Amino acid sequence: MLSVSPDQALHTALLDIPEIGSAGFALREGLTGAGVTVLRGRTYFGSWRVTAGKLVWVSSNMADPNHFVDSVDEAVRYTLLMILRSLQMQGTLRALKAAS
């Protein structure tokens, strides 16, 4: 029996959350077939890869530090947190534009 890699398990777990797509985000395998790439619309938002047995988040904002987690559950939680922060920021920017 073949075991599933952490990035494959993460990809499957994130695909099971339909709200990600409803919020305007999409999931893809990494360019090399490994890892998970998260897109906001058609724009790169961030990606997960496996390094030394840990899942590593690399944000589209290169000023942000990489984020390391030990489990798929932690990676799902962090991905959702990043998506929620992005949506919150987007709402704040819309409110500021409407007020000006």
Protein backbone atom coordinates (compact mmCIF):
# COMPACT_ATOMS: atom_id res chain seq x y z
CA MET A 1 0.00 0.00 0.00
CA LEU A 2 1.33 3.43 -0.95
CA SER A 3 1.36 6.10 1.71
CA VAL A 4 0.17 9.61 0.97
CA SER A 5 2.70 12.41 1.35
CA PRO A 6 1.85 15.35 3.64
CA ASP A 7 1.46 17.74 0.70
CA GLN A 8 -0.92 15.33 -1.06
CA ALA A 9 -2.93 14.94 2.14
CA LEU A 10 -3.02 18.73 2.52
CA HIS A 11 -4.19 19.21 -1.05
CA THR A 12 -7.01 16.72 -0.51
CA ALA A 13 -8.00 18.28 2.84
CA LEU A 14 -8.14 21.78 1.35
CA LEU A 15 -10.15 20.59 -1.66
CA ASP A 16 -12.74 19.26 0.81
CA ILE A 17 -13.47 22.85 1.94
CA PRO A 18 -15.79 24.37 -0.71
CA GLU A 19 -15.69 27.80 0.92
CA ILE A 20 -12.13 28.25 -0.32
CA GLY A 21 -13.37 28.31 -3.90
CA SER A 22 -16.40 30.42 -2.96
CA ALA A 23 -14.05 33.03 -1.51
CA GLY A 24 -12.24 33.32 -4.85
CA PHE A 25 -9.26 31.08 -4.11
CA ALA A 26 -8.09 28.00 -6.01
CA LEU A 27 -5.74 25.12 -5.27
CA ARG A 28 -3.24 23.48 -7.60
CA GLU A 29 -0.38 21.06 -7.32
CA GLY A 30 3.00 22.76 -7.30
CA LEU A 31 4.73 23.29 -10.62
CA THR A 32 6.90 20.22 -10.08
CA GLY A 33 3.90 18.06 -9.15
CA ALA A 34 4.75 18.32 -5.46
CA GLY A 35 3.44 20.79 -2.93
CA VAL A 36 0.24 22.81 -2.98
CA THR A 37 -0.13 26.19 -4.68
CA VAL A 38 -2.86 28.56 -3.51
CA LEU A 39 -4.13 31.11 -6.02
CA ARG A 40 -6.27 34.15 -5.38
CA GLY A 41 -8.16 34.38 -8.61
CA ARG A 42 -5.37 33.81 -11.11
CA THR A 43 -2.66 35.35 -8.93
CA TYR A 44 -0.17 33.43 -6.80
CA PHE A 45 -1.14 33.75 -3.11
CA GLY A 46 1.24 31.25 -1.50
CA SER A 47 2.32 27.64 -1.48
CA TRP A 48 3.09 24.70 0.75
CA ARG A 49 6.02 22.38 0.26
CA VAL A 50 7.56 19.62 2.32
CA THR A 51 11.06 20.25 3.67
CA ALA A 52 12.80 17.94 6.13
CA GLY A 53 9.47 16.32 7.02
CA LYS A 54 7.74 19.63 7.79
CA LEU A 55 5.20 21.57 5.75
CA VAL A 56 6.47 25.04 4.87
CA TRP A 57 4.24 27.96 3.79
CA VAL A 58 5.84 30.42 1.38
CA SER A 59 3.75 33.58 1.02
CA SER A 60 3.46 35.60 -2.16
CA ASN A 61 4.73 38.51 -0.07
CA MET A 62 8.42 37.76 0.01
CA ALA A 63 8.80 40.05 3.05
CA ASP A 64 6.78 37.54 5.12
CA PRO A 65 8.83 34.81 6.79
CA ASN A 66 8.20 31.19 5.86
CA HIS A 67 5.86 29.41 8.26
CA PHE A 68 6.67 25.83 9.36
CA VAL A 69 4.11 23.35 10.71
CA ASP A 70 4.30 19.71 11.77
CA SER A 71 0.90 18.43 10.63
CA VAL A 72 -1.63 18.64 7.83
CA ASP A 73 -4.25 19.93 10.30
CA GLU A 74 -1.98 22.82 11.28
CA ALA A 75 -1.38 23.61 7.59
CA VAL A 76 -5.12 23.62 6.86
CA ARG A 77 -5.71 25.95 9.81
CA TYR A 78 -2.91 28.30 8.74
CA THR A 79 -4.11 28.36 5.11
CA LEU A 80 -7.62 29.29 6.23
CA LEU A 81 -6.20 31.97 8.51
CA MET A 82 -4.22 33.49 5.63
CA ILE A 83 -7.32 33.45 3.40
CA LEU A 84 -9.44 35.09 6.11
CA ARG A 85 -6.82 37.78 6.71
CA SER A 86 -6.72 38.49 2.99
CA LEU A 87 -10.50 38.77 2.80
CA GLN A 88 -10.55 41.03 5.87
CA MET A 89 -7.90 43.29 4.33
CA GLN A 90 -9.83 43.40 1.07
CA GLY A 91 -12.99 44.44 2.95
CA THR A 92 -11.07 47.12 4.85
CA LEU A 93 -9.63 48.54 1.62
CA ARG A 94 -13.10 48.65 0.03
CA ALA A 95 -14.48 50.49 3.06
CA LEU A 96 -11.64 53.03 2.92
CA LYS A 97 -12.19 53.64 -0.80
CA ALA A 98 -15.94 54.08 -0.25
CA ALA A 99 -15.31 56.58 2.55
CA SER A 100 -13.02 58.76 0.47
